């Protein structure tokens, strides 16, 4: 397996022009894995996980608590500022499982290209409550489509 970096939106399809055009933009993701949370004490940990490109449109935020928390509780939120929850309000993840980013009108607006006009930092907050954790681990996946910096679908026409 190899990695490749592109500087702009990638479109894919067999017919790129005309009424039968079938090109679309590639769906991308950025991920964060907390690793073991065993021994984490009550409090918040904020981690900068990367940046979304200007004009991106978030399709979904998935939070997988793949090791249930023990002895304490966990919540996870995603924001554009340290400690923020602009992209996903706090989700109680203690019991484990898959959670979709908690949406409000404000978070839904923050997922749109008009809100991501510059390269945007992404922070994940893990809040541990009630007691020091005996176990726990989670992953966050931000799924997005890269857009042109002006927020328009790239390319606009054929």
N, C-alpha and C. Protein backbone atom coordinates (compact mmCIF):
# COMPACT_ATOMS: atom_id res chain seq x y z
N UNK A 1 0.85 -1.16 0.00
CA UNK A 1 0.00 0.00 0.00
C UNK A 1 0.90 1.23 0.00
N UNK A 2 0.46 2.25 -0.71
CA UNK A 2 1.22 3.50 -0.74
C UNK A 2 0.28 4.67 -0.47
N UNK A 3 0.88 5.81 -0.18
CA UNK A 3 0.12 7.03 0.05
C UNK A 3 0.45 8.04 -1.02
N UNK A 4 -0.51 8.88 -1.34
CA UNK A 4 -0.32 9.92 -2.34
C UNK A 4 -1.01 11.18 -1.84
N UNK A 5 -0.43 12.32 -2.13
CA UNK A 5 -1.02 13.60 -1.72
C UNK A 5 -1.40 14.38 -2.97
N UNK A 6 -2.63 14.92 -2.96
CA UNK A 6 -3.12 15.75 -4.06
C UNK A 6 -3.41 17.14 -3.50
N UNK A 7 -3.25 18.15 -4.32
CA UNK A 7 -3.47 19.51 -3.84
C UNK A 7 -4.89 20.00 -4.09
N UNK A 8 -5.71 19.26 -4.78
CA UNK A 8 -7.05 19.74 -5.06
C UNK A 8 -8.06 18.62 -5.04
N UNK A 9 -9.33 18.95 -5.26
CA UNK A 9 -10.37 17.93 -5.29
C UNK A 9 -10.08 16.89 -6.36
N UNK A 10 -10.46 15.66 -6.08
CA UNK A 10 -10.29 14.56 -7.02
C UNK A 10 -11.68 14.18 -7.50
N UNK A 11 -11.84 14.11 -8.81
CA UNK A 11 -13.13 13.65 -9.33
C UNK A 11 -12.91 12.33 -10.04
N UNK A 12 -13.95 11.52 -10.05
CA UNK A 12 -13.84 10.20 -10.63
C UNK A 12 -15.10 9.92 -11.44
N UNK A 13 -14.94 9.19 -12.51
CA UNK A 13 -16.05 8.81 -13.37
C UNK A 13 -15.53 8.58 -14.77
N UNK A 14 -16.35 7.99 -15.62
CA UNK A 14 -15.91 7.67 -16.97
C UNK A 14 -16.30 8.71 -18.00
N UNK A 15 -17.31 9.53 -17.70
CA UNK A 15 -17.76 10.57 -18.64
C UNK A 15 -17.69 11.90 -17.91
N UNK A 16 -16.75 12.78 -18.32
CA UNK A 16 -16.57 14.00 -17.55
C UNK A 16 -17.30 15.21 -18.09
N UNK A 17 -17.91 15.14 -19.30
CA UNK A 17 -18.59 16.30 -19.87
C UNK A 17 -19.95 15.91 -20.43
N UNK A 18 -20.82 16.92 -20.56
CA UNK A 18 -22.11 16.75 -21.21
C UNK A 18 -23.20 16.25 -20.28
N UNK A 19 -24.38 16.01 -20.89
CA UNK A 19 -25.57 15.61 -20.13
C UNK A 19 -25.39 14.25 -19.46
N UNK A 20 -24.55 13.40 -20.00
CA UNK A 20 -24.33 12.06 -19.44
C UNK A 20 -23.17 12.02 -18.43
N UNK A 21 -22.71 13.21 -18.02
CA UNK A 21 -21.58 13.30 -17.09
C UNK A 21 -21.87 12.46 -15.84
N UNK A 22 -20.90 11.67 -15.43
CA UNK A 22 -21.08 10.82 -14.24
C UNK A 22 -19.92 10.95 -13.26
N UNK A 23 -19.27 12.10 -13.28
CA UNK A 23 -18.16 12.29 -12.35
C UNK A 23 -18.66 12.75 -10.99
N UNK A 24 -17.92 12.41 -9.99
CA UNK A 24 -18.23 12.84 -8.63
C UNK A 24 -16.95 13.06 -7.86
N UNK A 25 -17.09 13.64 -6.69
CA UNK A 25 -15.92 13.92 -5.86
C UNK A 25 -15.66 12.76 -4.91
N UNK A 26 -14.40 12.55 -4.60
CA UNK A 26 -13.97 11.47 -3.73
C UNK A 26 -14.31 11.82 -2.27
N UNK A 27 -14.80 10.84 -1.53
CA UNK A 27 -15.06 10.99 -0.10
C UNK A 27 -13.77 10.64 0.64
N UNK A 28 -13.36 11.52 1.55
CA UNK A 28 -12.11 11.37 2.29
C UNK A 28 -12.41 11.25 3.78
N UNK A 29 -11.40 10.89 4.55
CA UNK A 29 -11.60 10.86 6.00
C UNK A 29 -10.31 11.20 6.72
N UNK A 30 -10.47 11.68 7.93
CA UNK A 30 -9.36 11.87 8.85
C UNK A 30 -9.77 11.15 10.13
N UNK A 31 -8.82 10.44 10.71
CA UNK A 31 -9.13 9.59 11.86
C UNK A 31 -8.21 9.86 13.03
N UNK A 32 -8.71 9.53 14.20
CA UNK A 32 -7.96 9.64 15.45
C UNK A 32 -8.28 8.43 16.30
N UNK A 33 -7.27 7.80 16.88
CA UNK A 33 -7.46 6.68 17.79
C UNK A 33 -6.88 7.08 19.14
N UNK A 34 -7.69 6.98 20.18
CA UNK A 34 -7.27 7.41 21.51
C UNK A 34 -6.22 6.49 22.13
N UNK A 35 -6.15 5.25 21.68
CA UNK A 35 -5.33 4.28 22.38
C UNK A 35 -5.99 3.95 23.71
N UNK A 36 -5.32 3.21 24.54
CA UNK A 36 -5.89 2.81 25.82
C UNK A 36 -6.13 4.01 26.72
N UNK A 37 -7.31 4.05 27.31
CA UNK A 37 -7.65 5.11 28.26
C UNK A 37 -7.47 4.67 29.70
N UNK A 38 -6.98 3.45 29.91
CA UNK A 38 -6.79 2.93 31.27
C UNK A 38 -5.88 3.88 32.05
N UNK A 39 -6.32 4.25 33.24
CA UNK A 39 -5.54 5.14 34.09
C UNK A 39 -5.86 6.61 33.92
N UNK A 40 -6.67 6.96 32.92
CA UNK A 40 -7.05 8.37 32.75
C UNK A 40 -7.87 8.81 33.95
N UNK A 41 -7.54 9.98 34.47
CA UNK A 41 -8.23 10.51 35.65
C UNK A 41 -9.36 11.43 35.21
N UNK A 42 -10.22 11.77 36.15
CA UNK A 42 -11.34 12.66 35.88
C UNK A 42 -10.81 13.99 35.32
N UNK A 43 -11.38 14.41 34.20
CA UNK A 43 -10.98 15.66 33.56
C UNK A 43 -11.09 15.55 32.06
N UNK A 44 -10.62 16.59 31.38
CA UNK A 44 -10.74 16.66 29.92
C UNK A 44 -9.36 16.58 29.28
N UNK A 45 -9.31 15.88 28.14
CA UNK A 45 -8.10 15.84 27.32
C UNK A 45 -8.49 16.28 25.92
N UNK A 46 -7.89 17.36 25.44
CA UNK A 46 -8.15 17.88 24.09
C UNK A 46 -6.96 17.57 23.20
N UNK A 47 -7.23 17.02 22.00
CA UNK A 47 -6.17 16.63 21.08
C UNK A 47 -6.45 17.23 19.71
N UNK A 48 -5.47 17.94 19.15
CA UNK A 48 -5.57 18.41 17.77
C UNK A 48 -5.24 17.22 16.88
N UNK A 49 -6.20 16.81 16.03
CA UNK A 49 -5.97 15.61 15.21
C UNK A 49 -5.60 15.94 13.77
N UNK A 50 -5.77 17.18 13.33
CA UNK A 50 -5.44 17.56 11.97
C UNK A 50 -6.27 18.74 11.53
N UNK A 51 -6.25 18.99 10.22
CA UNK A 51 -6.98 20.12 9.63
C UNK A 51 -7.82 19.63 8.47
N UNK A 52 -9.03 20.16 8.34
CA UNK A 52 -9.84 19.92 7.14
C UNK A 52 -9.48 21.00 6.13
N UNK A 53 -9.42 20.65 4.83
CA UNK A 53 -9.09 21.66 3.83
C UNK A 53 -10.22 22.68 3.67
N UNK A 54 -9.83 23.90 3.31
CA UNK A 54 -10.80 24.97 3.11
C UNK A 54 -11.89 24.52 2.15
N UNK A 55 -13.12 24.86 2.46
CA UNK A 55 -14.25 24.56 1.59
C UNK A 55 -14.74 23.13 1.65
N UNK A 56 -14.20 22.32 2.56
CA UNK A 56 -14.66 20.92 2.67
C UNK A 56 -16.11 20.90 3.17
N UNK A 57 -16.77 19.78 2.92
CA UNK A 57 -18.11 19.58 3.47
C UNK A 57 -18.09 18.26 4.24
N UNK A 58 -18.35 18.34 5.54
CA UNK A 58 -18.38 17.13 6.37
C UNK A 58 -19.62 16.33 6.04
N UNK A 59 -19.45 15.06 5.80
CA UNK A 59 -20.56 14.15 5.53
C UNK A 59 -21.05 13.45 6.80
N UNK A 60 -20.10 13.14 7.69
CA UNK A 60 -20.47 12.44 8.92
C UNK A 60 -19.29 12.47 9.89
N UNK A 61 -19.59 12.31 11.14
CA UNK A 61 -18.58 12.10 12.17
C UNK A 61 -18.98 10.85 12.91
N UNK A 62 -18.08 9.86 12.91
CA UNK A 62 -18.35 8.60 13.59
C UNK A 62 -17.43 8.47 14.78
N UNK A 63 -18.01 8.10 15.91
CA UNK A 63 -17.24 7.88 17.14
C UNK A 63 -17.46 6.42 17.52
N UNK A 64 -16.39 5.65 17.52
CA UNK A 64 -16.45 4.23 17.88
C UNK A 64 -15.76 4.03 19.21
N UNK A 65 -16.52 3.75 20.25
CA UNK A 65 -15.92 3.38 21.55
C UNK A 65 -15.77 1.87 21.47
N UNK A 66 -14.58 1.42 21.02
CA UNK A 66 -14.38 0.00 20.76
C UNK A 66 -13.92 -0.79 21.98
N UNK A 67 -13.56 -0.11 23.05
CA UNK A 67 -13.37 -0.75 24.35
C UNK A 67 -14.20 0.07 25.33
N UNK A 68 -15.21 -0.58 25.91
CA UNK A 68 -16.09 0.13 26.84
C UNK A 68 -15.30 0.65 28.03
N UNK A 69 -15.68 1.82 28.52
CA UNK A 69 -15.02 2.39 29.70
C UNK A 69 -15.44 1.62 30.94
N UNK A 70 -14.48 1.43 31.85
CA UNK A 70 -14.80 0.78 33.12
C UNK A 70 -14.40 1.69 34.26
N UNK A 71 -15.13 1.59 35.34
CA UNK A 71 -14.99 2.32 36.60
C UNK A 71 -15.32 3.81 36.49
N UNK A 72 -15.18 4.41 35.34
CA UNK A 72 -15.52 5.82 35.14
C UNK A 72 -16.41 5.97 33.92
N UNK A 73 -16.71 7.20 33.56
CA UNK A 73 -17.54 7.47 32.39
C UNK A 73 -16.75 8.27 31.37
N UNK A 74 -17.16 8.17 30.09
CA UNK A 74 -16.50 8.93 29.03
C UNK A 74 -17.54 9.61 28.15
N UNK A 75 -17.19 10.81 27.71
CA UNK A 75 -17.92 11.49 26.65
C UNK A 75 -16.88 12.01 25.66
N UNK A 76 -17.29 12.07 24.40
CA UNK A 76 -16.40 12.52 23.33
C UNK A 76 -17.12 13.62 22.56
N UNK A 77 -16.41 14.70 22.26
CA UNK A 77 -16.94 15.77 21.42
C UNK A 77 -15.88 16.15 20.40
N UNK A 78 -16.30 16.82 19.32
CA UNK A 78 -15.40 17.22 18.24
C UNK A 78 -15.65 18.70 17.95
N UNK A 79 -14.56 19.46 17.87
CA UNK A 79 -14.71 20.90 17.64
C UNK A 79 -13.61 21.47 16.78
N UNK A 80 -13.75 22.74 16.50
CA UNK A 80 -12.74 23.47 15.72
C UNK A 80 -11.85 24.30 16.63
N UNK A 81 -12.10 24.24 17.93
CA UNK A 81 -11.27 24.90 18.93
C UNK A 81 -11.00 23.91 20.06
N UNK A 82 -9.90 24.09 20.75
CA UNK A 82 -9.59 23.24 21.89
C UNK A 82 -10.70 23.37 22.92
N UNK A 83 -11.32 22.25 23.29
CA UNK A 83 -12.42 22.26 24.24
C UNK A 83 -13.77 22.54 23.61
N UNK A 84 -13.78 22.81 22.30
CA UNK A 84 -15.03 23.14 21.62
C UNK A 84 -15.82 21.90 21.20
N UNK A 85 -17.07 22.14 20.87
CA UNK A 85 -17.95 21.09 20.38
C UNK A 85 -18.72 21.62 19.18
N UNK A 86 -18.04 22.43 18.35
CA UNK A 86 -18.71 23.06 17.20
C UNK A 86 -19.16 22.04 16.15
N UNK A 87 -18.50 20.89 16.08
CA UNK A 87 -18.84 19.90 15.04
C UNK A 87 -19.65 18.73 15.57
N UNK A 88 -19.49 18.40 16.82
CA UNK A 88 -20.29 17.35 17.45
C UNK A 88 -20.36 17.61 18.94
N UNK A 89 -21.57 17.79 19.41
CA UNK A 89 -21.76 17.96 20.85
C UNK A 89 -21.33 16.68 21.56
N UNK A 90 -21.07 16.76 22.84
CA UNK A 90 -20.59 15.62 23.61
C UNK A 90 -21.53 14.43 23.50
N UNK A 91 -20.94 13.26 23.25
CA UNK A 91 -21.68 12.00 23.16
C UNK A 91 -21.21 11.10 24.30
N UNK A 92 -22.14 10.59 25.10
CA UNK A 92 -21.78 9.65 26.17
C UNK A 92 -21.44 8.31 25.53
N UNK A 93 -20.18 7.90 25.69
CA UNK A 93 -19.69 6.70 25.00
C UNK A 93 -19.31 5.56 25.95
N UNK A 94 -19.57 5.71 27.22
CA UNK A 94 -19.10 4.79 28.26
C UNK A 94 -19.36 3.32 27.93
N UNK A 95 -20.56 2.98 27.49
CA UNK A 95 -20.93 1.58 27.28
C UNK A 95 -20.33 0.98 26.01
N UNK A 96 -19.76 1.82 25.15
CA UNK A 96 -19.18 1.32 23.91
C UNK A 96 -20.18 1.33 22.78
N UNK A 97 -19.68 1.15 21.56
CA UNK A 97 -20.52 1.12 20.38
C UNK A 97 -20.17 2.23 19.42
N UNK A 98 -20.97 2.36 18.37
CA UNK A 98 -20.77 3.40 17.35
C UNK A 98 -21.79 4.51 17.57
N UNK A 99 -21.28 5.73 17.49
CA UNK A 99 -22.11 6.91 17.67
C UNK A 99 -21.87 7.86 16.51
N UNK A 100 -22.93 8.48 16.03
CA UNK A 100 -22.82 9.49 14.99
C UNK A 100 -22.73 10.84 15.68
N UNK A 101 -21.92 11.73 15.10
CA UNK A 101 -21.77 13.06 15.67
C UNK A 101 -23.10 13.66 16.03
N UNK A 102 -23.23 14.15 17.27
CA UNK A 102 -24.49 14.71 17.74
C UNK A 102 -24.72 16.06 17.07
N UNK A 103 -25.85 16.17 16.39
CA UNK A 103 -26.12 17.33 15.56
C UNK A 103 -27.15 18.26 16.19
N UNK A 104 -26.88 19.54 16.05
CA UNK A 104 -27.83 20.59 16.36
C UNK A 104 -27.86 21.47 15.12
N UNK A 105 -28.69 22.49 15.09
CA UNK A 105 -28.69 23.40 13.94
C UNK A 105 -27.30 24.02 13.77
N UNK A 106 -26.67 24.37 14.88
CA UNK A 106 -25.35 25.01 14.81
C UNK A 106 -24.29 24.04 14.29
N UNK A 107 -24.30 22.79 14.77
CA UNK A 107 -23.29 21.84 14.29
C UNK A 107 -23.55 21.47 12.83
N UNK A 108 -24.81 21.36 12.44
CA UNK A 108 -25.12 21.06 11.03
C UNK A 108 -24.62 22.18 10.13
N UNK A 109 -24.77 23.42 10.55
CA UNK A 109 -24.27 24.56 9.77
C UNK A 109 -22.74 24.53 9.70
N UNK A 110 -22.09 24.09 10.79
CA UNK A 110 -20.63 24.04 10.82
C UNK A 110 -20.06 22.98 9.88
N UNK A 111 -20.87 22.01 9.45
CA UNK A 111 -20.43 20.96 8.53
C UNK A 111 -20.41 21.46 7.08
N UNK A 112 -20.99 22.62 6.79
CA UNK A 112 -21.16 23.10 5.42
C UNK A 112 -19.93 23.87 4.93
N UNK A 113 -19.69 23.85 3.60
CA UNK A 113 -18.52 24.54 3.05
C UNK A 113 -18.44 26.02 3.43
N UNK A 114 -19.57 26.68 3.56
CA UNK A 114 -19.56 28.11 3.89
C UNK A 114 -18.98 28.37 5.29
N UNK A 115 -18.99 27.35 6.15
CA UNK A 115 -18.42 27.51 7.49
C UNK A 115 -16.95 27.15 7.55
N UNK A 116 -16.46 26.46 6.53
CA UNK A 116 -15.07 25.99 6.52
C UNK A 116 -14.30 26.74 5.44
N UNK A 117 -14.24 28.05 5.56
CA UNK A 117 -13.64 28.89 4.52
C UNK A 117 -12.11 28.87 4.49
N UNK A 118 -11.51 28.44 5.57
CA UNK A 118 -10.05 28.32 5.64
C UNK A 118 -9.74 26.91 6.13
N UNK A 119 -8.49 26.48 5.99
CA UNK A 119 -8.12 25.20 6.58
C UNK A 119 -8.52 25.25 8.04
N UNK A 120 -9.26 24.23 8.49
CA UNK A 120 -9.91 24.26 9.80
C UNK A 120 -9.35 23.20 10.73
N UNK A 121 -8.86 23.60 11.91
CA UNK A 121 -8.35 22.61 12.86
C UNK A 121 -9.48 21.76 13.42
N UNK A 122 -9.16 20.50 13.70
CA UNK A 122 -10.12 19.57 14.28
C UNK A 122 -9.56 19.08 15.61
N UNK A 123 -10.33 19.30 16.67
CA UNK A 123 -9.94 18.86 18.01
C UNK A 123 -10.94 17.80 18.49
N UNK A 124 -10.43 16.81 19.18
CA UNK A 124 -11.27 15.80 19.83
C UNK A 124 -11.09 15.97 21.33
N UNK A 125 -12.20 16.03 22.05
CA UNK A 125 -12.16 16.10 23.51
C UNK A 125 -12.68 14.80 24.09
N UNK A 126 -11.89 14.22 24.97
CA UNK A 126 -12.33 13.07 25.77
C UNK A 126 -12.51 13.57 27.19
N UNK A 127 -13.73 13.48 27.68
CA UNK A 127 -14.02 13.90 29.05
C UNK A 127 -14.24 12.65 29.89
N UNK A 128 -13.44 12.51 30.93
CA UNK A 128 -13.58 11.38 31.86
C UNK A 128 -14.28 11.91 33.10
N UNK A 129 -15.35 11.23 33.47
CA UNK A 129 -16.11 11.65 34.65
C UNK A 129 -16.21 10.54 35.67
N UNK A 130 -16.51 10.86 36.85
CA UNK A 130 -16.83 10.02 38.01
C UNK A 130 -15.65 9.29 38.64
N UNK A 131 -14.71 8.73 37.89
CA UNK A 131 -13.60 7.98 38.49
C UNK A 131 -12.51 7.72 37.45
N UNK A 132 -11.33 7.37 37.92
CA UNK A 132 -10.22 6.99 37.03
C UNK A 132 -10.64 5.75 36.24
N UNK A 133 -10.35 5.76 34.95
CA UNK A 133 -10.77 4.65 34.09
C UNK A 133 -9.91 3.41 34.29
N UNK A 134 -10.58 2.26 34.31
CA UNK A 134 -9.89 0.98 34.35
C UNK A 134 -9.61 0.48 32.95
N UNK A 135 -10.41 0.92 31.97
CA UNK A 135 -10.25 0.53 30.57
C UNK A 135 -11.04 1.50 29.72
N UNK A 136 -10.83 1.41 28.43
CA UNK A 136 -11.56 2.23 27.47
C UNK A 136 -10.68 2.61 26.30
N UNK A 137 -11.28 2.76 25.13
CA UNK A 137 -10.58 3.22 23.93
C UNK A 137 -11.64 3.61 22.91
N UNK A 138 -11.34 4.66 22.12
CA UNK A 138 -12.28 5.08 21.09
C UNK A 138 -11.52 5.58 19.87
N UNK A 139 -12.24 5.64 18.76
CA UNK A 139 -11.71 6.21 17.52
C UNK A 139 -12.73 7.20 16.99
N UNK A 140 -12.25 8.26 16.36
CA UNK A 140 -13.12 9.26 15.73
C UNK A 140 -12.75 9.31 14.26
N UNK A 141 -13.75 9.25 13.38
CA UNK A 141 -13.55 9.36 11.94
C UNK A 141 -14.39 10.51 11.42
N UNK A 142 -13.73 11.49 10.80
CA UNK A 142 -14.43 12.61 10.18
C UNK A 142 -14.43 12.34 8.69
N UNK A 143 -15.63 12.17 8.12
CA UNK A 143 -15.79 11.84 6.71
C UNK A 143 -16.23 13.10 5.99
N UNK A 144 -15.50 13.46 4.92
CA UNK A 144 -15.77 14.72 4.26
C UNK A 144 -15.48 14.63 2.77
N UNK A 145 -16.00 15.61 2.03
CA UNK A 145 -15.73 15.78 0.61
C UNK A 145 -14.95 17.08 0.47
N UNK A 146 -13.84 16.99 -0.24
CA UNK A 146 -13.04 18.21 -0.45
C UNK A 146 -13.75 19.06 -1.50
N UNK A 147 -13.80 20.34 -1.25
CA UNK A 147 -14.45 21.28 -2.16
C UNK A 147 -13.46 22.33 -2.62
N UNK A 148 -13.86 23.10 -3.61
CA UNK A 148 -13.08 24.25 -4.02
C UNK A 148 -13.07 25.27 -2.89
N UNK A 149 -12.05 26.11 -2.78
CA UNK A 149 -12.01 27.08 -1.69
C UNK A 149 -13.23 27.99 -1.62
N UNK A 150 -13.92 28.21 -2.74
CA UNK A 150 -15.11 29.06 -2.69
C UNK A 150 -16.35 28.29 -2.24
N UNK A 151 -16.20 27.00 -1.93
CA UNK A 151 -17.31 26.21 -1.44
C UNK A 151 -18.14 25.57 -2.51
N UNK A 152 -17.82 25.84 -3.79
CA UNK A 152 -18.59 25.23 -4.85
C UNK A 152 -18.06 23.84 -5.18
N UNK A 153 -18.94 23.00 -5.70
CA UNK A 153 -18.51 21.67 -6.10
C UNK A 153 -17.46 21.81 -7.20
N UNK A 154 -16.42 21.02 -7.14
CA UNK A 154 -15.36 21.11 -8.14
C UNK A 154 -15.45 19.90 -9.05
N UNK A 155 -15.49 20.03 -10.34
CA UNK A 155 -15.65 21.28 -11.07
C UNK A 155 -17.12 21.68 -11.11
N UNK A 156 -17.38 22.96 -11.31
CA UNK A 156 -18.75 23.47 -11.38
C UNK A 156 -19.41 23.00 -12.65
N UNK A 157 -18.67 23.01 -13.75
CA UNK A 157 -19.20 22.57 -15.05
C UNK A 157 -18.18 21.65 -15.70
N UNK A 158 -18.72 20.76 -16.59
CA UNK A 158 -17.95 19.81 -17.36
C UNK A 158 -16.53 19.93 -17.27
